[in-house]
């Protein structure tokens, strides 16, 4: 029931996913049953894999995340997370209130063994690769250990889902030198450097696309600002281009000849292509979709959920966190 467009976009995207991904064994649509049934009827969908789970409440954008979990126990996001908690579903996908999705999954599913705080991992394209931005908005009051774990979890996702054999990790700061940044980022720098991650060091804003790494580590406040800035700049550039190219017939002719290149770039930077961002660190799979998700974006968010399950992201995270804790644990004092 969440997202800017509610059931019409989410049901349409779900139908697209069911028709394209036969590996989805069952799909629960959680929310107002009559509205969901009406949307399924529009798409002539009578797929036996669909099961509607009725809920009577909706988390509004004005609701506080933790309070929404406690006071709206019959909201669509709470009921969806309950399905994962009780083993009926393997993943939950939400385009609604991000804070409520994070709070609901963290409270109901808890975090994976050894993980202190979950982080949203958003995949962002560059000219030569894709990088994972973590945390993109789950935890704005982070501690150094949280960011160290984001680096580990982001590397796991980059390696096992995106296919980068030895992901390079960068810490978002205001300068490349070790001494640059706040006391907080300097402490994180030290922890990342002492870890077994492929840590390149500090990176600045211009490095994101000019000298990209595979994993960008930051707290949720900085990450969310970066994510939304990237989205708005991309939209603005295409609008500027369209405006300038329409000014003369010569430019219009050139644009017509280059339309293939424009389509390729637009597809590459379109959030719909990437679907949603996994909330890494919770004891289950949770995909945070864009609030303005179109049916195509929802279809791809469901694909991302399936990939996270198939690539066993969570077991790999647990193993990497365990390995880090074992290698950094203090030695037991010798018995006299």
C-alpha atoms as a PDB file:
ATOM      1  CA  UNK A   1       0.000   0.000   0.000  1.00  0.00           C
ATOM      2  CA  UNK A   2       3.054   2.266   0.183  1.00  0.00           C
ATOM      3  CA  UNK A   3       4.834   4.352  -2.400  1.00  0.00           C
ATOM      4  CA  UNK A   4       3.662   7.408  -4.285  1.00  0.00           C
ATOM      5  CA  UNK A   5       1.309   5.431  -6.530  1.00  0.00           C
ATOM      6  CA  UNK A   6       0.084   2.665  -4.226  1.00  0.00           C
ATOM      7  CA  UNK A   7      -1.491  -0.580  -5.511  1.00  0.00           C
ATOM      8  CA  UNK A   8      -1.692   0.325  -9.254  1.00  0.00           C
ATOM      9  CA  UNK A   9       2.083   0.547  -9.711  1.00  0.00           C
ATOM     10  CA  UNK A  10       2.983  -2.200  -7.243  1.00  0.00           C
ATOM     11  CA  UNK A  11       0.497  -4.741  -8.561  1.00  0.00           C
ATOM     12  CA  UNK A  12       1.418  -3.980 -12.184  1.00  0.00           C
ATOM     13  CA  UNK A  13       5.101  -4.489 -11.377  1.00  0.00           C
ATOM     14  CA  UNK A  14       4.319  -7.700  -9.521  1.00  0.00           C
ATOM     15  CA  UNK A  15       2.435  -9.067 -12.517  1.00  0.00           C
ATOM     16  CA  UNK A  16       5.400  -8.203 -14.755  1.00  0.00           C
ATOM     17  CA  UNK A  17       7.746 -10.052 -12.387  1.00  0.00           C
ATOM     18  CA  UNK A  18       5.538 -13.135 -12.242  1.00  0.00           C
ATOM     19  CA  UNK A  19       5.437 -13.328 -16.034  1.00  0.00           C
ATOM     20  CA  UNK A  20       9.171 -12.803 -16.457  1.00  0.00           C
ATOM     21  CA  UNK A  21      10.621 -14.709 -13.491  1.00  0.00           C
ATOM     22  CA  UNK A  22       9.292 -18.253 -13.199  1.00  0.00           C
ATOM     23  CA  UNK A  23      11.694 -18.846 -10.300  1.00  0.00           C
ATOM     24  CA  UNK A  24       9.344 -16.855  -8.047  1.00  0.00           C
ATOM     25  CA  UNK A  25       7.391 -19.661  -6.386  1.00  0.00           C
ATOM     26  CA  UNK A  26       4.897 -17.521  -4.481  1.00  0.00           C
ATOM     27  CA  UNK A  27       4.170 -13.816  -4.280  1.00  0.00           C
ATOM     28  CA  UNK A  28       2.232 -12.324  -1.385  1.00  0.00           C
ATOM     29  CA  UNK A  29       0.513  -9.006  -2.072  1.00  0.00           C
ATOM     30  CA  UNK A  30      -0.151  -7.380   1.288  1.00  0.00           C
ATOM     31  CA  UNK A  31      -2.709  -4.619   1.727  1.00  0.00           C
ATOM     32  CA  UNK A  32      -6.329  -3.723   1.048  1.00  0.00           C
ATOM     33  CA  UNK A  33      -7.744  -6.860  -0.595  1.00  0.00           C
ATOM     34  CA  UNK A  34     -10.472  -5.239  -2.736  1.00  0.00           C
ATOM     35  CA  UNK A  35      -8.025  -2.713  -4.184  1.00  0.00           C
ATOM     36  CA  UNK A  36      -5.434  -5.402  -4.918  1.00  0.00           C
ATOM     37  CA  UNK A  37      -8.024  -7.702  -6.490  1.00  0.00           C
ATOM     38  CA  UNK A  38      -9.242  -4.857  -8.694  1.00  0.00           C
ATOM     39  CA  UNK A  39      -5.711  -4.192  -9.944  1.00  0.00           C
ATOM     40  CA  UNK A  40      -5.062  -7.880 -10.630  1.00  0.00           C
ATOM     41  CA  UNK A  41      -8.294  -8.006 -12.626  1.00  0.00           C
ATOM     42  CA  UNK A  42      -7.116  -5.049 -14.748  1.00  0.00           C
ATOM     43  CA  UNK A  43      -4.057  -7.063 -15.772  1.00  0.00           C
ATOM     44  CA  UNK A  44      -6.033 -10.289 -16.295  1.00  0.00           C
ATOM     45  CA  UNK A  45      -3.790 -11.973 -13.739  1.00  0.00           C
ATOM     46  CA  UNK A  46      -5.059 -15.198 -12.230  1.00  0.00           C
ATOM     47  CA  UNK A  47      -1.619 -16.644 -11.498  1.00  0.00           C
ATOM     48  CA  UNK A  48      -1.864 -19.325  -8.826  1.00  0.00           C
ATOM     49  CA  UNK A  49       1.384 -18.109  -7.266  1.00  0.00           C
ATOM     50  CA  UNK A  50      -0.325 -14.923  -6.024  1.00  0.00           C
ATOM     51  CA  UNK A  51      -1.754 -14.836  -2.518  1.00  0.00           C
ATOM     52  CA  UNK A  52      -3.399 -11.722  -1.125  1.00  0.00           C
ATOM     53  CA  UNK A  53      -2.872 -10.959   2.569  1.00  0.00           C
ATOM     54  CA  UNK A  54      -5.375  -8.411   3.836  1.00  0.00           C
ATOM     55  CA  UNK A  55      -4.268  -5.553   6.073  1.00  0.00           C
ATOM     56  CA  UNK A  56      -6.346  -2.673   7.381  1.00  0.00           C
ATOM     57  CA  UNK A  57      -3.705  -0.016   8.085  1.00  0.00           C
ATOM     58  CA  UNK A  58      -1.208   2.010   6.068  1.00  0.00           C
ATOM     59  CA  UNK A  59       1.911   3.765   7.360  1.00  0.00           C
ATOM     60  CA  UNK A  60       1.773   7.413   6.316  1.00  0.00           C
ATOM     61  CA  UNK A  61       4.870   9.450   5.516  1.00  0.00           C
ATOM     62  CA  UNK A  62       4.174  11.599   8.578  1.00  0.00           C
ATOM     63  CA  UNK A  63       4.281   8.578  10.913  1.00  0.00           C
ATOM     64  CA  UNK A  64       7.374   8.053  13.034  1.00  0.00           C
ATOM     65  CA  UNK A  65       9.105   4.770  12.131  1.00  0.00           C
ATOM     66  CA  UNK A  66       9.227   2.976  15.498  1.00  0.00           C
ATOM     67  CA  UNK A  67       5.785   4.225  16.544  1.00  0.00           C
ATOM     68  CA  UNK A  68       4.336   2.971  13.261  1.00  0.00           C
ATOM     69  CA  UNK A  69       5.529  -0.541  14.099  1.00  0.00           C
ATOM     70  CA  UNK A  70       4.049  -0.416  17.595  1.00  0.00           C
ATOM     71  CA  UNK A  71       0.773   1.350  16.838  1.00  0.00           C
ATOM     72  CA  UNK A  72      -0.026   0.049  13.368  1.00  0.00           C
ATOM     73  CA  UNK A  73       0.424  -3.676  13.813  1.00  0.00           C
ATOM     74  CA  UNK A  74      -1.950  -4.369  10.928  1.00  0.00           C
ATOM     75  CA  UNK A  75      -0.165  -2.126   8.431  1.00  0.00           C
ATOM     76  CA  UNK A  76       0.851  -3.621   5.098  1.00  0.00           C
ATOM     77  CA  UNK A  77       4.588  -3.348   5.908  1.00  0.00           C
ATOM     78  CA  UNK A  78       4.192  -4.997   9.336  1.00  0.00           C
ATOM     79  CA  UNK A  79       2.147  -7.857   7.905  1.00  0.00           C
ATOM     80  CA  UNK A  80       4.631  -8.327   5.080  1.00  0.00           C
ATOM     81  CA  UNK A  81       7.572  -8.513   7.494  1.00  0.00           C
ATOM     82  CA  UNK A  82       5.606 -10.983   9.638  1.00  0.00           C
ATOM     83  CA  UNK A  83       5.455 -13.309   6.622  1.00  0.00           C
ATOM     84  CA  UNK A  84       9.262 -13.349   6.528  1.00  0.00           C
ATOM     85  CA  UNK A  85       9.528 -13.683  10.303  1.00  0.00           C
ATOM     86  CA  UNK A  86       7.293 -16.769  10.330  1.00  0.00           C
ATOM     87  CA  UNK A  87       8.992 -18.368   7.328  1.00  0.00           C
ATOM     88  CA  UNK A  88       6.140 -18.013   4.843  1.00  0.00           C
ATOM     89  CA  UNK A  89       8.193 -15.658   2.638  1.00  0.00           C
ATOM     90  CA  UNK A  90      11.911 -15.300   1.994  1.00  0.00           C
ATOM     91  CA  UNK A  91      11.965 -11.546   1.329  1.00  0.00           C
ATOM     92  CA  UNK A  92       9.944  -8.372   1.672  1.00  0.00           C
ATOM     93  CA  UNK A  93       9.850  -5.559  -0.888  1.00  0.00           C
ATOM     94  CA  UNK A  94       8.508  -2.118   0.035  1.00  0.00           C
ATOM     95  CA  UNK A  95       8.181   1.176  -1.835  1.00  0.00           C
ATOM     96  CA  UNK A  96       6.598   2.903   1.146  1.00  0.00           C
ATOM     97  CA  UNK A  97       7.945   4.671   4.231  1.00  0.00           C
ATOM     98  CA  UNK A  98      11.671   3.791   4.318  1.00  0.00           C
ATOM     99  CA  UNK A  99      11.987   4.405   8.059  1.00  0.00           C
ATOM    100  CA  UNK A 100       9.040   2.132   8.766  1.00  0.00           C
ATOM    101  CA  UNK A 101      10.495  -0.644   6.586  1.00  0.00           C
ATOM    102  CA  UNK A 102      13.858  -0.353   8.369  1.00  0.00           C
ATOM    103  CA  UNK A 103      12.274  -0.226  11.823  1.00  0.00           C
ATOM    104  CA  UNK A 104       9.855  -3.074  11.141  1.00  0.00           C
ATOM    105  CA  UNK A 105      12.481  -5.453   9.772  1.00  0.00           C
ATOM    106  CA  UNK A 106      15.034  -4.554  12.460  1.00  0.00           C
ATOM    107  CA  UNK A 107      12.554  -4.970  15.327  1.00  0.00           C
ATOM    108  CA  UNK A 108      10.761  -8.053  14.038  1.00  0.00           C
ATOM    109  CA  UNK A 109      13.597  -9.913  12.289  1.00  0.00           C
ATOM    110  CA  UNK A 110      16.530  -8.596  14.340  1.00  0.00           C
ATOM    111  CA  UNK A 111      19.993  -8.256  12.878  1.00  0.00           C
ATOM    112  CA  UNK A 112      22.254 -11.045  11.651  1.00  0.00           C
ATOM    113  CA  UNK A 113      24.664 -12.533  14.218  1.00  0.00           C
ATOM    114  CA  UNK A 114      27.492 -10.062  14.825  1.00  0.00           C
ATOM    115  CA  UNK A 115      25.846  -7.181  12.939  1.00  0.00           C
ATOM    116  CA  UNK A 116      25.136  -4.111  15.070  1.00  0.00           C
ATOM    117  CA  UNK A 117      23.121  -1.962  12.653  1.00  0.00           C
ATOM    118  CA  UNK A 118      21.702  -2.643   9.179  1.00  0.00           C
ATOM    119  CA  UNK A 119      22.562  -0.390   6.233  1.00  0.00           C
ATOM    120  CA  UNK A 120      20.834   0.375   2.935  1.00  0.00           C
ATOM    121  CA  UNK A 121      23.050  -0.608  -0.008  1.00  0.00           C
ATOM    122  CA  UNK A 122      22.180   1.407  -3.124  1.00  0.00           C
ATOM    123  CA  UNK A 123      23.765   0.427  -6.440  1.00  0.00           C
ATOM    124  CA  UNK A 124      24.927   3.425  -8.495  1.00  0.00           C
ATOM    125  CA  UNK A 125      26.349   3.241 -12.042  1.00  0.00           C
ATOM    126  CA  UNK A 126      29.539   4.879 -13.330  1.00  0.00           C
ATOM    127  CA  UNK A 127      31.025   4.810 -16.820  1.00  0.00           C
ATOM    128  CA  UNK A 128      33.125   1.727 -16.038  1.00  0.00           C
ATOM    129  CA  UNK A 129      31.426  -0.100 -13.172  1.00  0.00           C
ATOM    130  CA  UNK A 130      28.726  -0.164 -10.501  1.00  0.00           C
ATOM    131  CA  UNK A 131      29.392   0.825  -6.919  1.00  0.00           C
ATOM    132  CA  UNK A 132      27.543   0.054  -3.707  1.00  0.00           C
ATOM    133  CA  UNK A 133      26.755   3.106  -1.573  1.00  0.00           C
ATOM    134  CA  UNK A 134      26.248   2.019   2.033  1.00  0.00           C
ATOM    135  CA  UNK A 135      24.598   3.346   4.153  1.00  0.00           C
ATOM    136  CA  UNK A 136      22.114   5.213   1.974  1.00  0.00           C
ATOM    137  CA  UNK A 137      19.765   6.224   4.774  1.00  0.00           C
ATOM    138  CA  UNK A 138      19.023   3.537   7.370  1.00  0.00           C
ATOM    139  CA  UNK A 139      21.188   4.838  10.224  1.00  0.00           C
ATOM    140  CA  UNK A 140      22.058   8.530  10.574  1.00  0.00           C
ATOM    141  CA  UNK A 141      23.539   8.196  14.079  1.00  0.00           C
ATOM    142  CA  UNK A 142      26.241   5.702  13.196  1.00  0.00           C
ATOM    143  CA  UNK A 143      29.293   4.633  15.172  1.00  0.00           C
ATOM    144  CA  UNK A 144      32.698   3.719  13.676  1.00  0.00           C
ATOM    145  CA  UNK A 145      32.014  -0.014  14.073  1.00  0.00           C
ATOM    146  CA  UNK A 146      28.812   0.341  12.076  1.00  0.00           C
ATOM    147  CA  UNK A 147      30.730   1.781   9.117  1.00  0.00           C
ATOM    148  CA  UNK A 148      33.352  -0.946   9.346  1.00  0.00           C
ATOM    149  CA  UNK A 149      30.539  -3.495   9.123  1.00  0.00           C
ATOM    150  CA  UNK A 150      29.006  -1.570   6.209  1.00  0.00           C
ATOM    151  CA  UNK A 151      32.302  -2.018   4.398  1.00  0.00           C
ATOM    152  CA  UNK A 152      32.186  -5.753   5.025  1.00  0.00           C
ATOM    153  CA  UNK A 153      28.540  -6.138   4.027  1.00  0.00           C
ATOM    154  CA  UNK A 154      28.925  -3.912   0.964  1.00  0.00           C
ATOM    155  CA  UNK A 155      31.908  -5.974  -0.168  1.00  0.00           C
ATOM    156  CA  UNK A 156      29.918  -9.189   0.219  1.00  0.00           C
ATOM    157  CA  UNK A 157      27.094  -7.797  -1.908  1.00  0.00           C
ATOM    158  CA  UNK A 158      29.482  -6.437  -4.534  1.00  0.00           C
ATOM    159  CA  UNK A 159      31.306  -9.768  -4.779  1.00  0.00           C
ATOM    160  CA  UNK A 160      28.440 -12.233  -4.714  1.00  0.00           C
ATOM    161  CA  UNK A 161      25.663 -10.297  -6.469  1.00  0.00           C
ATOM    162  CA  UNK A 162      27.409  -7.741  -8.691  1.00  0.00           C
ATOM    163  CA  UNK A 163      30.307 -10.047  -9.549  1.00  0.00           C
ATOM    164  CA  UNK A 164      33.379  -8.004  -8.510  1.00  0.00           C
ATOM    165  CA  UNK A 165      36.006 -10.503  -7.392  1.00  0.00           C
ATOM    166  CA  UNK A 166      37.893  -8.219  -4.987  1.00  0.00           C
ATOM    167  CA  UNK A 167      35.791  -5.086  -4.400  1.00  0.00           C
ATOM    168  CA  UNK A 168      37.719  -1.914  -3.641  1.00  0.00           C
ATOM    169  CA  UNK A 169      36.366   0.023  -0.645  1.00  0.00           C
ATOM    170  CA  UNK A 170      36.512   3.789  -0.170  1.00  0.00           C
ATOM    171  CA  UNK A 171      35.526   5.915   2.820  1.00  0.00           C
ATOM    172  CA  UNK A 172      33.625   9.097   1.987  1.00  0.00           C
ATOM    173  CA  UNK A 173      35.460  12.106   3.431  1.00  0.00           C
ATOM    174  CA  UNK A 174      36.561  15.673   2.601  1.00  0.00           C
ATOM    175  CA  UNK A 175      40.085  14.792   1.496  1.00  0.00           C
ATOM    176  CA  UNK A 176      42.183  11.827   0.406  1.00  0.00           C
ATOM    177  CA  UNK A 177      44.863  12.228   3.080  1.00  0.00           C
ATOM    178  CA  UNK A 178      44.674  10.030   6.186  1.00  0.00           C
ATOM    179  CA  UNK A 179      44.484  13.075   8.494  1.00  0.00           C
ATOM    180  CA  UNK A 180      41.511  14.659   6.674  1.00  0.00           C
ATOM    181  CA  UNK A 181      37.946  14.420   7.916  1.00  0.00           C
ATOM    182  CA  UNK A 182      36.254  14.485  11.297  1.00  0.00           C
ATOM    183  CA  UNK A 183      37.337  12.571  14.364  1.00  0.00           C
ATOM    184  CA  UNK A 184      34.601  10.089  13.464  1.00  0.00           C
ATOM    185  CA  UNK A 185      35.830   9.428   9.890  1.00  0.00           C
ATOM    186  CA  UNK A 186      39.455   9.233  11.047  1.00  0.00           C
ATOM    187  CA  UNK A 187      38.495   6.484  13.490  1.00  0.00           C
ATOM    188  CA  UNK A 188      36.609   4.646  10.743  1.00  0.00           C
ATOM    189  CA  UNK A 189      39.620   5.055   8.434  1.00  0.00           C
ATOM    190  CA  UNK A 190      41.849   3.366  11.009  1.00  0.00           C
ATOM    191  CA  UNK A 191      39.447   0.427  11.434  1.00  0.00           C
ATOM    192  CA  UNK A 192      39.024  -0.087   7.692  1.00  0.00           C
ATOM    193  CA  UNK A 193      42.780   0.080   7.119  1.00  0.00           C
ATOM    194  CA  UNK A 194      43.406  -2.577   9.770  1.00  0.00           C
ATOM    195  CA  UNK A 195      40.722  -4.876   8.324  1.00  0.00           C
ATOM    196  CA  UNK A 196      41.284  -7.403   5.546  1.00  0.00           C
ATOM    197  CA  UNK A 197      39.101  -5.427   3.147  1.00  0.00           C
ATOM    198  CA  UNK A 198      40.574  -4.087  -0.089  1.00  0.00           C
ATOM    199  CA  UNK A 199      40.581  -0.562   1.351  1.00  0.00           C
ATOM    200  CA  UNK A 200      41.738   2.262  -0.950  1.00  0.00           C
ATOM    201  CA  UNK A 201      41.422   5.001   1.651  1.00  0.00           C
ATOM    202  CA  UNK A 202      39.453   8.219   1.759  1.00  0.00           C
ATOM    203  CA  UNK A 203      37.547   9.317  -1.330  1.00  0.00           C
ATOM    204  CA  UNK A 204      35.916  12.650  -2.098  1.00  0.00           C
ATOM    205  CA  UNK A 205      32.707  13.497  -3.919  1.00  0.00           C
ATOM    206  CA  UNK A 206      34.430  13.862  -7.291  1.00  0.00           C
ATOM    207  CA  UNK A 207      35.967  10.399  -6.942  1.00  0.00           C
ATOM    208  CA  UNK A 208      32.557   8.722  -7.074  1.00  0.00           C
ATOM    209  CA  UNK A 209      32.503   8.884 -10.862  1.00  0.00           C
ATOM    210  CA  UNK A 210      36.015  10.036 -11.847  1.00  0.00           C
ATOM    211  CA  UNK A 211      37.954   7.402  -9.856  1.00  0.00           C
ATOM    212  CA  UNK A 212      35.264   4.941  -8.797  1.00  0.00           C
ATOM    213  CA  UNK A 213      35.599   2.193  -6.223  1.00  0.00           C
ATOM    214  CA  UNK A 214      33.195  -0.737  -5.853  1.00  0.00           C
ATOM    215  CA  UNK A 215      32.015   0.070  -2.305  1.00  0.00           C
ATOM    216  CA  UNK A 216      31.526   3.574  -0.856  1.00  0.00           C
ATOM    217  CA  UNK A 217      31.174   3.641   2.934  1.00  0.00           C
ATOM    218  CA  UNK A 218      29.474   6.478   4.823  1.00  0.00           C
ATOM    219  CA  UNK A 219      26.834   7.086   7.479  1.00  0.00           C
ATOM    220  CA  UNK A 220      23.163   7.188   6.521  1.00  0.00           C
ATOM    221  CA  UNK A 221      22.918  10.989   6.617  1.00  0.00           C
ATOM    222  CA  UNK A 222      25.742  11.516   4.131  1.00  0.00           C
ATOM    223  CA  UNK A 223      24.681   8.530   2.024  1.00  0.00           C
ATOM    224  CA  UNK A 224      21.104   9.687   1.621  1.00  0.00           C
ATOM    225  CA  UNK A 225      22.253  13.168   0.579  1.00  0.00           C
ATOM    226  CA  UNK A 226      24.637  11.632  -1.989  1.00  0.00           C
ATOM    227  CA  UNK A 227      21.930   9.319  -3.360  1.00  0.00           C
ATOM    228  CA  UNK A 228      19.306  12.027  -3.800  1.00  0.00           C
ATOM    229  CA  UNK A 229      21.840  14.468  -5.221  1.00  0.00           C
ATOM    230  CA  UNK A 230      22.922  11.914  -7.839  1.00  0.00           C
ATOM    231  CA  UNK A 231      19.282  11.298  -8.790  1.00  0.00           C
ATOM    232  CA  UNK A 232      18.482  14.996  -9.138  1.00  0.00           C
ATOM    233  CA  UNK A 233      21.650  15.798 -11.121  1.00  0.00           C
ATOM    234  CA  UNK A 234      20.882  12.989 -13.565  1.00  0.00           C
ATOM    235  CA  UNK A 235      17.350  14.264 -14.121  1.00  0.00           C
ATOM    236  CA  UNK A 236      18.550  17.854 -14.487  1.00  0.00           C
ATOM    237  CA  UNK A 237      21.236  17.026 -17.068  1.00  0.00           C
ATOM    238  CA  UNK A 238      18.749  15.236 -19.325  1.00  0.00           C
ATOM    239  CA  UNK A 239      16.321  18.152 -19.085  1.00  0.00           C
ATOM    240  CA  UNK A 240      19.089  20.612 -19.937  1.00  0.00           C
ATOM    241  CA  UNK A 241      20.177  18.471 -22.874  1.00  0.00           C
ATOM    242  CA  UNK A 242      16.640  18.205 -24.218  1.00  0.00           C
ATOM    243  CA  UNK A 243      16.154  21.962 -23.911  1.00  0.00           C
ATOM    244  CA  UNK A 244      19.404  22.793 -25.736  1.00  0.00           C
ATOM    245  CA  UNK A 245      19.004  20.150 -28.433  1.00  0.00           C
ATOM    246  CA  UNK A 246      15.582  21.462 -29.375  1.00  0.00           C
ATOM    247  CA  UNK A 247      16.842  25.017 -29.999  1.00  0.00           C
ATOM    248  CA  UNK A 248      17.937  24.555 -33.630  1.00  0.00           C
ATOM    249  CA  UNK A 249      17.218  22.169 -36.476  1.00  0.00           C
ATOM    250  CA  UNK A 250      20.894  21.264 -36.761  1.00  0.00           C
ATOM    251  CA  UNK A 251      20.989  20.239 -33.095  1.00  0.00           C
ATOM    252  CA  UNK A 252      17.738  18.313 -33.511  1.00  0.00           C
ATOM    253  CA  UNK A 253      19.250  16.415 -36.439  1.00  0.00           C
ATOM    254  CA  UNK A 254      22.350  15.633 -34.395  1.00  0.00           C
ATOM    255  CA  UNK A 255      20.186  14.460 -31.507  1.00  0.00           C
ATOM    256  CA  UNK A 256      18.270  12.163 -33.862  1.00  0.00           C
ATOM    257  CA  UNK A 257      21.527  10.568 -35.027  1.00  0.00           C
ATOM    258  CA  UNK A 258      22.732  10.152 -31.439  1.00  0.00           C
ATOM    259  CA  UNK A 259      19.424   8.918 -30.020  1.00  0.00           C
ATOM    260  CA  UNK A 260      20.796   5.397 -29.561  1.00  0.00           C
ATOM    261  CA  UNK A 261      23.564   6.702 -27.300  1.00  0.00           C
ATOM    262  CA  UNK A 262      21.088   8.836 -25.360  1.00  0.00           C
ATOM    263  CA  UNK A 263      18.813   5.832 -24.789  1.00  0.00           C
ATOM    264  CA  UNK A 264      21.727   3.721 -23.548  1.00  0.00           C
ATOM    265  CA  UNK A 265      22.865   6.366 -21.075  1.00  0.00           C
ATOM    266  CA  UNK A 266      19.323   7.058 -19.878  1.00  0.00           C
ATOM    267  CA  UNK A 267      18.760   3.364 -19.248  1.00  0.00           C
ATOM    268  CA  UNK A 268      22.059   3.099 -17.390  1.00  0.00           C
ATOM    269  CA  UNK A 269      21.269   5.939 -14.984  1.00  0.00           C
ATOM    270  CA  UNK A 270      17.563   5.133 -14.602  1.00  0.00           C
ATOM    271  CA  UNK A 271      16.742   3.989 -11.059  1.00  0.00           C
ATOM    272  CA  UNK A 272      14.025   1.732 -12.515  1.00  0.00           C
ATOM    273  CA  UNK A 273      16.748  -0.516 -13.954  1.00  0.00           C
ATOM    274  CA  UNK A 274      18.142  -1.247 -10.485  1.00  0.00           C
ATOM    275  CA  UNK A 275      14.761  -1.717  -8.821  1.00  0.00           C
ATOM    276  CA  UNK A 276      15.536  -1.370  -5.146  1.00  0.00           C
ATOM    277  CA  UNK A 277      18.215  -1.263  -2.475  1.00  0.00           C
ATOM    278  CA  UNK A 278      18.795  -4.178  -0.102  1.00  0.00           C
ATOM    279  CA  UNK A 279      18.785  -3.458   3.611  1.00  0.00           C
ATOM    280  CA  UNK A 280      21.902  -5.429   4.507  1.00  0.00           C
ATOM    281  CA  UNK A 281      22.378  -6.794   8.014  1.00  0.00           C
ATOM    282  CA  UNK A 282      18.836  -7.799   8.953  1.00  0.00           C
ATOM    283  CA  UNK A 283      18.019 -11.448   9.552  1.00  0.00           C
ATOM    284  CA  UNK A 284      16.002 -11.729   6.358  1.00  0.00           C
ATOM    285  CA  UNK A 285      15.886 -10.092   2.944  1.00  0.00           C
ATOM    286  CA  UNK A 286      14.410  -6.586   2.736  1.00  0.00           C
ATOM    287  CA  UNK A 287      14.444  -4.512  -0.457  1.00  0.00           C
ATOM    288  CA  UNK A 288      13.753  -0.784  -0.219  1.00  0.00           C
ATOM    289  CA  UNK A 289      12.223   0.459  -3.471  1.00  0.00           C
ATOM    290  CA  UNK A 290      12.020   4.099  -4.560  1.00  0.00           C
ATOM    291  CA  UNK A 291       8.903   5.921  -3.375  1.00  0.00           C
ATOM    292  CA  UNK A 292       8.124   6.907  -6.968  1.00  0.00           C
ATOM    293  CA  UNK A 293       8.611   3.372  -8.249  1.00  0.00           C
ATOM    294  CA  UNK A 294       6.995   2.555 -11.584  1.00  0.00           C
ATOM    295  CA  UNK A 295       5.851  -0.972 -12.462  1.00  0.00           C
ATOM    296  CA  UNK A 296       9.246  -1.558 -14.120  1.00  0.00           C
ATOM    297  CA  UNK A 297      11.055  -0.520 -10.942  1.00  0.00           C
ATOM    298  CA  UNK A 298       8.895  -2.846  -8.831  1.00  0.00           C
ATOM    299  CA  UNK A 299       9.542  -5.723 -11.226  1.00  0.00           C
ATOM    300  CA  UNK A 300      13.280  -5.162 -10.850  1.00  0.00           C
ATOM    301  CA  UNK A 301      13.003  -4.762  -7.077  1.00  0.00           C
ATOM    302  CA  UNK A 302      11.512  -8.248  -6.972  1.00  0.00           C
ATOM    303  CA  UNK A 303      14.389  -9.443  -9.163  1.00  0.00           C
ATOM    304  CA  UNK A 304      16.883  -7.941  -6.688  1.00  0.00           C
ATOM    305  CA  UNK A 305      15.112  -9.765  -3.850  1.00  0.00           C
ATOM    306  CA  UNK A 306      15.344 -13.070  -5.732  1.00  0.00           C
ATOM    307  CA  UNK A 307      19.043 -12.503  -6.464  1.00  0.00           C
ATOM    308  CA  UNK A 308      19.797 -11.782  -2.796  1.00  0.00           C
ATOM    309  CA  UNK A 309      18.150 -15.079  -1.854  1.00  0.00           C
ATOM    310  CA  UNK A 310      19.803 -17.105  -4.614  1.00  0.00           C
ATOM    311  CA  UNK A 311      23.290 -15.730  -3.943  1.00  0.00           C
ATOM    312  CA  UNK A 312      22.908 -16.409  -0.198  1.00  0.00           C
ATOM    313  CA  UNK A 313      23.955 -12.891   0.731  1.00  0.00           C
ATOM    314  CA  UNK A 314      23.080 -13.223   4.414  1.00  0.00           C
ATOM    315  CA  UNK A 315      25.094 -16.399   5.123  1.00  0.00           C
ATOM    316  CA  UNK A 316      28.097 -14.786   3.427  1.00  0.00           C
ATOM    317  CA  UNK A 317      27.699 -11.665   5.586  1.00  0.00           C
ATOM    318  CA  UNK A 318      27.532 -13.761   8.766  1.00  0.00           C
ATOM    319  CA  UNK A 319      30.700 -15.618   7.746  1.00  0.00           C
ATOM    320  CA  UNK A 320      32.636 -12.440   6.920  1.00  0.00           C
ATOM    321  CA  UNK A 321      31.591 -10.722  10.166  1.00  0.00           C
ATOM    322  CA  UNK A 322      32.570 -13.838  12.124  1.00  0.00           C
ATOM    323  CA  UNK A 323      35.944 -13.961  10.370  1.00  0.00           C
ATOM    324  CA  UNK A 324      36.605 -10.305  11.149  1.00  0.00           C
ATOM    325  CA  UNK A 325      35.693 -10.739  14.811  1.00  0.00           C
ATOM    326  CA  UNK A 326      37.964 -13.789  15.126  1.00  0.00           C
ATOM    327  CA  UNK A 327      40.966 -12.081  13.541  1.00  0.00           C
ATOM    328  CA  UNK A 328      40.606  -8.900  15.624  1.00  0.00           C
ATOM    329  CA  UNK A 329      39.633 -10.452  18.960  1.00  0.00           C
ATOM    330  CA  UNK A 330      42.148  -9.755  21.761  1.00  0.00           C
ATOM    331  CA  UNK A 331      44.379 -12.673  22.737  1.00  0.00           C
ATOM    332  CA  UNK A 332      43.504 -14.472  25.939  1.00  0.00           C
ATOM    333  CA  UNK A 333      46.036 -13.764  28.720  1.00  0.00           C
ATOM    334  CA  UNK A 334      48.452 -16.607  29.380  1.00  0.00           C
ATOM    335  CA  UNK A 335      47.628 -18.724  32.429  1.00  0.00           C
ATOM    336  CA  UNK A 336      50.506 -18.461  34.948  1.00  0.00           C
END
